[in-house]
Amino acid sequence: MIRLLRKRSKQKDLLKVSDAEKIRLLKEIEISLQQKLVEAKLWQSLLEVESLTINGNIVYRGDEPLSGFFIRR
C-alpha cells in the first residue's frame, strides 16, 4: 500500500514572506504536484491492467491489494 505522508504546516501570508522564501515554497509546491501526477498516472495504469509482474514477482493483481512495490523519492 502506498501511503502519502503529509506535513501539516502553518499557513503563510505570501505578502509578508521574503522573495527567497516565496521561491522555495513555490519549488516545494511544484515538486509536490509533480509527485502527485506521477502517482495518479501509476494508479491509472494499474486500473488498466489485470496484473503487474516485476522481476518475475506479481506485485499487483486486479482482485488483490498491491504488495511488494514501493517508489523511492
PDB file of N, CA and C in Angstrom:
ATOM      1  N   MET A   1       0.835  -1.176   0.000  1.00  0.00           N
ATOM      2  CA  MET A   1       0.000   0.000   0.000  1.00  0.00           C
ATOM      3  C   MET A   1       0.883   1.243   0.000  1.00  0.00           C
ATOM      4  N   ILE A   2       0.591   2.161  -0.873  1.00  0.00           N
ATOM      5  CA  ILE A   2       1.348   3.404  -0.930  1.00  0.00           C
ATOM      6  C   ILE A   2       0.641   4.422  -0.046  1.00  0.00           C
ATOM      7  N   ARG A   3       1.390   4.993   0.847  1.00  0.00           N
ATOM      8  CA  ARG A   3       0.813   5.992   1.751  1.00  0.00           C
ATOM      9  C   ARG A   3       1.461   7.341   1.485  1.00  0.00           C
ATOM     10  N   LEU A   4       0.667   8.347   1.564  1.00  0.00           N
ATOM     11  CA  LEU A   4       1.184   9.698   1.441  1.00  0.00           C
ATOM     12  C   LEU A   4       1.339  10.284   2.826  1.00  0.00           C
ATOM     13  N   LEU A   5       2.526  10.732   3.128  1.00  0.00           N
ATOM     14  CA  LEU A   5       2.750  11.407   4.400  1.00  0.00           C
ATOM     15  C   LEU A   5       2.697  12.904   4.135  1.00  0.00           C
ATOM     16  N   ARG A   6       1.819  13.543   4.773  1.00  0.00           N
ATOM     17  CA  ARG A   6       1.652  14.969   4.548  1.00  0.00           C
ATOM     18  C   ARG A   6       2.028  15.735   5.805  1.00  0.00           C
ATOM     19  N   LYS A   7       2.774  16.763   5.606  1.00  0.00           N
ATOM     20  CA  LYS A   7       3.131  17.629   6.725  1.00  0.00           C
ATOM     21  C   LYS A   7       2.054  18.694   6.870  1.00  0.00           C
ATOM     22  N   ARG A   8       1.648  18.884   8.056  1.00  0.00           N
ATOM     23  CA  ARG A   8       0.697  19.967   8.328  1.00  0.00           C
ATOM     24  C   ARG A   8       1.511  21.202   8.675  1.00  0.00           C
ATOM     25  N   SER A   9       1.568  22.120   7.759  1.00  0.00           N
ATOM     26  CA  SER A   9       2.364  23.314   8.009  1.00  0.00           C
ATOM     27  C   SER A   9       1.445  24.506   8.265  1.00  0.00           C
ATOM     28  N   LYS A  10       2.033  25.501   8.851  1.00  0.00           N
ATOM     29  CA  LYS A  10       1.288  26.717   9.130  1.00  0.00           C
ATOM     30  C   LYS A  10       1.041  27.457   7.824  1.00  0.00           C
ATOM     31  N   GLN A  11      -0.084  28.107   7.743  1.00  0.00           N
ATOM     32  CA  GLN A  11      -0.368  28.915   6.564  1.00  0.00           C
ATOM     33  C   GLN A  11       0.498  30.164   6.624  1.00  0.00           C
ATOM     34  N   LYS A  12       1.019  30.549   5.458  1.00  0.00           N
ATOM     35  CA  LYS A  12       1.878  31.721   5.405  1.00  0.00           C
ATOM     36  C   LYS A  12       1.268  32.768   4.492  1.00  0.00           C
ATOM     37  N   ASP A  13       1.403  34.010   4.871  1.00  0.00           N
ATOM     38  CA  ASP A  13       0.945  35.123   4.055  1.00  0.00           C
ATOM     39  C   ASP A  13       2.062  35.462   3.074  1.00  0.00           C
ATOM     40  N   LEU A  14       1.838  35.183   1.798  1.00  0.00           N
ATOM     41  CA  LEU A  14       2.884  35.400   0.802  1.00  0.00           C
ATOM     42  C   LEU A  14       3.279  36.868   0.659  1.00  0.00           C
ATOM     43  N   LEU A  15       2.415  37.762   1.077  1.00  0.00           N
ATOM     44  CA  LEU A  15       2.760  39.181   1.006  1.00  0.00           C
ATOM     45  C   LEU A  15       3.780  39.570   2.067  1.00  0.00           C
ATOM     46  N   LYS A  16       3.886  38.755   3.116  1.00  0.00           N
ATOM     47  CA  LYS A  16       4.797  39.074   4.215  1.00  0.00           C
ATOM     48  C   LYS A  16       6.064  38.222   4.196  1.00  0.00           C
ATOM     49  N   VAL A  17       6.206  37.358   3.186  1.00  0.00           N
ATOM     50  CA  VAL A  17       7.339  36.440   3.108  1.00  0.00           C
ATOM     51  C   VAL A  17       8.378  37.012   2.150  1.00  0.00           C
ATOM     52  N   SER A  18       9.656  36.760   2.443  1.00  0.00           N
ATOM     53  CA  SER A  18      10.727  37.259   1.579  1.00  0.00           C
ATOM     54  C   SER A  18      10.669  36.576   0.213  1.00  0.00           C
ATOM     55  N   ASP A  19      11.309  37.214  -0.770  1.00  0.00           N
ATOM     56  CA  ASP A  19      11.324  36.655  -2.124  1.00  0.00           C
ATOM     57  C   ASP A  19      11.982  35.275  -2.151  1.00  0.00           C
ATOM     58  N   ALA A  20      13.052  35.102  -1.416  1.00  0.00           N
ATOM     59  CA  ALA A  20      13.739  33.805  -1.376  1.00  0.00           C
ATOM     60  C   ALA A  20      12.821  32.727  -0.808  1.00  0.00           C
ATOM     61  N   GLU A  21      12.067  33.073   0.224  1.00  0.00           N
ATOM     62  CA  GLU A  21      11.135  32.129   0.830  1.00  0.00           C
ATOM     63  C   GLU A  21       9.994  31.798  -0.136  1.00  0.00           C
ATOM     64  N   LYS A  22       9.507  32.788  -0.888  1.00  0.00           N
ATOM     65  CA  LYS A  22       8.461  32.545  -1.884  1.00  0.00           C
ATOM     66  C   LYS A  22       8.947  31.565  -2.936  1.00  0.00           C
ATOM     67  N   ILE A  23      10.165  31.758  -3.415  1.00  0.00           N
ATOM     68  CA  ILE A  23      10.728  30.869  -4.430  1.00  0.00           C
ATOM     69  C   ILE A  23      10.851  29.453  -3.886  1.00  0.00           C
ATOM     70  N   ARG A  24      11.324  29.314  -2.656  1.00  0.00           N
ATOM     71  CA  ARG A  24      11.465  27.997  -2.031  1.00  0.00           C
ATOM     72  C   ARG A  24      10.107  27.318  -1.896  1.00  0.00           C
ATOM     73  N   LEU A  25       9.106  28.061  -1.440  1.00  0.00           N
ATOM     74  CA  LEU A  25       7.764  27.499  -1.277  1.00  0.00           C
ATOM     75  C   LEU A  25       7.170  27.068  -2.615  1.00  0.00           C
ATOM     76  N   LEU A  26       7.346  27.883  -3.631  1.00  0.00           N
ATOM     77  CA  LEU A  26       6.812  27.550  -4.948  1.00  0.00           C
ATOM     78  C   LEU A  26       7.489  26.313  -5.534  1.00  0.00           C
ATOM     79  N   LYS A  27       8.798  26.175  -5.300  1.00  0.00           N
ATOM     80  CA  LYS A  27       9.507  24.978  -5.775  1.00  0.00           C
ATOM     81  C   LYS A  27       9.002  23.735  -5.047  1.00  0.00           C
ATOM     82  N   GLU A  28       8.771  23.846  -3.750  1.00  0.00           N
ATOM     83  CA  GLU A  28       8.234  22.718  -2.985  1.00  0.00           C
ATOM     84  C   GLU A  28       6.859  22.318  -3.506  1.00  0.00           C
ATOM     85  N   ILE A  29       6.037  23.302  -3.810  1.00  0.00           N
ATOM     86  CA  ILE A  29       4.695  23.031  -4.337  1.00  0.00           C
ATOM     87  C   ILE A  29       4.794  22.359  -5.701  1.00  0.00           C
ATOM     88  N   GLU A  30       5.690  22.849  -6.537  1.00  0.00           N
ATOM     89  CA  GLU A  30       5.874  22.259  -7.870  1.00  0.00           C
ATOM     90  C   GLU A  30       6.298  20.793  -7.767  1.00  0.00           C
ATOM     91  N   ILE A  31       7.259  20.502  -6.906  1.00  0.00           N
ATOM     92  CA  ILE A  31       7.731  19.126  -6.720  1.00  0.00           C
ATOM     93  C   ILE A  31       6.598  18.249  -6.200  1.00  0.00           C
ATOM     94  N   SER A  32       5.841  18.756  -5.255  1.00  0.00           N
ATOM     95  CA  SER A  32       4.727  18.002  -4.689  1.00  0.00           C
ATOM     96  C   SER A  32       3.686  17.677  -5.758  1.00  0.00           C
ATOM     97  N   LEU A  33       3.366  18.650  -6.601  1.00  0.00           N
ATOM     98  CA  LEU A  33       2.385  18.422  -7.655  1.00  0.00           C
ATOM     99  C   LEU A  33       2.898  17.427  -8.688  1.00  0.00           C
ATOM    100  N   GLN A  34       4.188  17.485  -9.004  1.00  0.00           N
ATOM    101  CA  GLN A  34       4.771  16.526  -9.939  1.00  0.00           C
ATOM    102  C   GLN A  34       4.687  15.107  -9.376  1.00  0.00           C
ATOM    103  N   GLN A  35       4.965  14.946  -8.081  1.00  0.00           N
ATOM    104  CA  GLN A  35       4.894  13.633  -7.442  1.00  0.00           C
ATOM    105  C   GLN A  35       3.460  13.102  -7.452  1.00  0.00           C
ATOM    106  N   LYS A  36       2.503  13.982  -7.198  1.00  0.00           N
ATOM    107  CA  LYS A  36       1.101  13.572  -7.214  1.00  0.00           C
ATOM    108  C   LYS A  36       0.678  13.147  -8.618  1.00  0.00           C
ATOM    109  N   LEU A  37       1.186  13.838  -9.638  1.00  0.00           N
ATOM    110  CA  LEU A  37       0.877  13.493 -11.020  1.00  0.00           C
ATOM    111  C   LEU A  37       1.428  12.113 -11.363  1.00  0.00           C
ATOM    112  N   VAL A  38       2.671  11.839 -10.963  1.00  0.00           N
ATOM    113  CA  VAL A  38       3.273  10.529 -11.214  1.00  0.00           C
ATOM    114  C   VAL A  38       2.472   9.438 -10.513  1.00  0.00           C
ATOM    115  N   GLU A  39       2.082   9.680  -9.286  1.00  0.00           N
ATOM    116  CA  GLU A  39       1.306   8.698  -8.543  1.00  0.00           C
ATOM    117  C   GLU A  39      -0.054   8.464  -9.200  1.00  0.00           C
ATOM    118  N   ALA A  40      -0.707   9.521  -9.654  1.00  0.00           N
ATOM    119  CA  ALA A  40      -2.003   9.376 -10.318  1.00  0.00           C
ATOM    120  C   ALA A  40      -1.862   8.572 -11.611  1.00  0.00           C
ATOM    121  N   LYS A  41      -0.783   8.804 -12.354  1.00  0.00           N
ATOM    122  CA  LYS A  41      -0.550   8.044 -13.580  1.00  0.00           C
ATOM    123  C   LYS A  41      -0.300   6.574 -13.262  1.00  0.00           C
ATOM    124  N   LEU A  42       0.428   6.300 -12.182  1.00  0.00           N
ATOM    125  CA  LEU A  42       0.676   4.920 -11.773  1.00  0.00           C
ATOM    126  C   LEU A  42      -0.641   4.225 -11.441  1.00  0.00           C
ATOM    127  N   TRP A  43      -1.481   4.867 -10.643  1.00  0.00           N
ATOM    128  CA  TRP A  43      -2.764   4.266 -10.273  1.00  0.00           C
ATOM    129  C   TRP A  43      -3.636   4.062 -11.501  1.00  0.00           C
ATOM    130  N   GLN A  44      -3.629   5.011 -12.433  1.00  0.00           N
ATOM    131  CA  GLN A  44      -4.415   4.860 -13.657  1.00  0.00           C
ATOM    132  C   GLN A  44      -3.923   3.659 -14.453  1.00  0.00           C
ATOM    133  N   SER A  45      -2.607   3.495 -14.533  1.00  0.00           N
ATOM    134  CA  SER A  45      -2.034   2.345 -15.232  1.00  0.00           C
ATOM    135  C   SER A  45      -2.441   1.042 -14.557  1.00  0.00           C
ATOM    136  N   LEU A  46      -2.438   1.015 -13.236  1.00  0.00           N
ATOM    137  CA  LEU A  46      -2.837  -0.197 -12.511  1.00  0.00           C
ATOM    138  C   LEU A  46      -4.297  -0.549 -12.764  1.00  0.00           C
ATOM    139  N   LEU A  47      -5.130   0.463 -12.930  1.00  0.00           N
ATOM    140  CA  LEU A  47      -6.550   0.214 -13.196  1.00  0.00           C
ATOM    141  C   LEU A  47      -6.761  -0.413 -14.570  1.00  0.00           C
ATOM    142  N   GLU A  48      -5.815  -0.183 -15.479  1.00  0.00           N
ATOM    143  CA  GLU A  48      -5.967  -0.653 -16.845  1.00  0.00           C
ATOM    144  C   GLU A  48      -5.376  -2.046 -17.081  1.00  0.00           C
ATOM    145  N   VAL A  49      -4.675  -2.609 -16.115  1.00  0.00           N
ATOM    146  CA  VAL A  49      -4.060  -3.926 -16.300  1.00  0.00           C
ATOM    147  C   VAL A  49      -4.677  -4.933 -15.329  1.00  0.00           C
ATOM    148  N   GLU A  50      -4.591  -6.201 -15.714  1.00  0.00           N
ATOM    149  CA  GLU A  50      -5.106  -7.254 -14.841  1.00  0.00           C
ATOM    150  C   GLU A  50      -4.093  -7.639 -13.780  1.00  0.00           C
ATOM    151  N   SER A  51      -2.787  -7.632 -14.156  1.00  0.00           N
ATOM    152  CA  SER A  51      -1.753  -7.947 -13.178  1.00  0.00           C
ATOM    153  C   SER A  51      -0.459  -7.253 -13.572  1.00  0.00           C
ATOM    154  N   LEU A  52       0.418  -7.055 -12.588  1.00  0.00           N
ATOM    155  CA  LEU A  52       1.701  -6.403 -12.805  1.00  0.00           C
ATOM    156  C   LEU A  52       2.783  -7.293 -12.210  1.00  0.00           C
ATOM    157  N   THR A  53       3.744  -7.658 -13.047  1.00  0.00           N
ATOM    158  CA  THR A  53       4.841  -8.510 -12.610  1.00  0.00           C
ATOM    159  C   THR A  53       6.149  -7.753 -12.788  1.00  0.00           C
ATOM    160  N   ILE A  54       6.955  -7.705 -11.732  1.00  0.00           N
ATOM    161  CA  ILE A  54       8.268  -7.062 -11.777  1.00  0.00           C
ATOM    162  C   ILE A  54       9.300  -8.090 -11.356  1.00  0.00           C
ATOM    163  N   ASN A  55      10.285  -8.312 -12.217  1.00  0.00           N
ATOM    164  CA  ASN A  55      11.332  -9.303 -11.965  1.00  0.00           C
ATOM    165  C   ASN A  55      10.757 -10.663 -11.575  1.00  0.00           C
ATOM    166  N   GLY A  56       9.692 -11.063 -12.254  1.00  0.00           N
ATOM    167  CA  GLY A  56       9.091 -12.367 -12.002  1.00  0.00           C
ATOM    168  C   GLY A  56       8.174 -12.439 -10.794  1.00  0.00           C
ATOM    169  N   ASN A  57       8.049 -11.357 -10.049  1.00  0.00           N
ATOM    170  CA  ASN A  57       7.184 -11.330  -8.862  1.00  0.00           C
ATOM    171  C   ASN A  57       5.909 -10.558  -9.169  1.00  0.00           C
ATOM    172  N   ILE A  58       4.768 -11.173  -8.899  1.00  0.00           N
ATOM    173  CA  ILE A  58       3.498 -10.477  -9.096  1.00  0.00           C
ATOM    174  C   ILE A  58       3.317  -9.504  -7.938  1.00  0.00           C
ATOM    175  N   VAL A  59       3.276  -8.213  -8.253  1.00  0.00           N
ATOM    176  CA  VAL A  59       3.103  -7.210  -7.203  1.00  0.00           C
ATOM    177  C   VAL A  59       1.693  -6.634  -7.200  1.00  0.00           C
ATOM    178  N   TYR A  60       0.960  -6.875  -8.286  1.00  0.00           N
ATOM    179  CA  TYR A  60      -0.416  -6.374  -8.337  1.00  0.00           C
ATOM    180  C   TYR A  60      -1.257  -7.328  -9.173  1.00  0.00           C
ATOM    181  N   ARG A  61      -2.403  -7.657  -8.671  1.00  0.00           N
ATOM    182  CA  ARG A  61      -3.396  -8.410  -9.410  1.00  0.00           C
ATOM    183  C   ARG A  61      -4.719  -7.726  -9.125  1.00  0.00           C
ATOM    184  N   GLY A  62      -5.529  -7.536 -10.143  1.00  0.00           N
ATOM    185  CA  GLY A  62      -6.761  -6.758 -10.046  1.00  0.00           C
ATOM    186  C   GLY A  62      -7.659  -7.083  -8.869  1.00  0.00           C
ATOM    187  N   ASP A  63      -7.681  -8.339  -8.437  1.00  0.00           N
ATOM    188  CA  ASP A  63      -8.579  -8.726  -7.352  1.00  0.00           C
ATOM    189  C   ASP A  63      -7.886  -8.802  -5.996  1.00  0.00           C
ATOM    190  N   GLU A  64      -6.606  -8.381  -5.939  1.00  0.00           N
ATOM    191  CA  GLU A  64      -5.845  -8.417  -4.686  1.00  0.00           C
ATOM    192  C   GLU A  64      -5.216  -7.054  -4.414  1.00  0.00           C
ATOM    193  N   PRO A  65      -4.884  -6.768  -3.161  1.00  0.00           N
ATOM    194  CA  PRO A  65      -4.236  -5.490  -2.862  1.00  0.00           C
ATOM    195  C   PRO A  65      -2.807  -5.438  -3.412  1.00  0.00           C
ATOM    196  N   LEU A  66      -2.326  -4.255  -3.666  1.00  0.00           N
ATOM    197  CA  LEU A  66      -0.962  -4.025  -4.137  1.00  0.00           C
ATOM    198  C   LEU A  66       0.012  -4.477  -3.058  1.00  0.00           C
ATOM    199  N   SER A  67       1.053  -5.242  -3.444  1.00  0.00           N
ATOM    200  CA  SER A  67       2.012  -5.705  -2.458  1.00  0.00           C
ATOM    201  C   SER A  67       3.421  -5.740  -3.044  1.00  0.00           C
ATOM    202  N   GLY A  68       4.405  -5.539  -2.191  1.00  0.00           N
ATOM    203  CA  GLY A  68       5.788  -5.675  -2.609  1.00  0.00           C
ATOM    204  C   GLY A  68       6.264  -4.634  -3.587  1.00  0.00           C
ATOM    205  N   PHE A  69       5.708  -3.460  -3.541  1.00  0.00           N
ATOM    206  CA  PHE A  69       6.069  -2.423  -4.513  1.00  0.00           C
ATOM    207  C   PHE A  69       6.158  -1.085  -3.800  1.00  0.00           C
ATOM    208  N   PHE A  70       7.239  -0.362  -4.020  1.00  0.00           N
ATOM    209  CA  PHE A  70       7.337   0.980  -3.469  1.00  0.00           C
ATOM    210  C   PHE A  70       8.191   1.830  -4.397  1.00  0.00           C
ATOM    211  N   ILE A  71       8.020   3.120  -4.314  1.00  0.00           N
ATOM    212  CA  ILE A  71       8.767   4.066  -5.135  1.00  0.00           C
ATOM    213  C   ILE A  71       9.624   4.909  -4.209  1.00  0.00           C
ATOM    214  N   ARG A  72      10.914   4.944  -4.479  1.00  0.00           N
ATOM    215  CA  ARG A  72      11.797   5.815  -3.700  1.00  0.00           C
ATOM    216  C   ARG A  72      11.761   7.199  -4.310  1.00  0.00           C
ATOM    217  N   ARG A  73      11.694   8.196  -3.466  1.00  0.00           N
ATOM    218  CA  ARG A  73      11.658   9.581  -3.961  1.00  0.00           C
ATOM    219  C   ARG A  73      12.906  10.295  -3.550  1.00  0.00           C
TER     220      ARG A  73
END
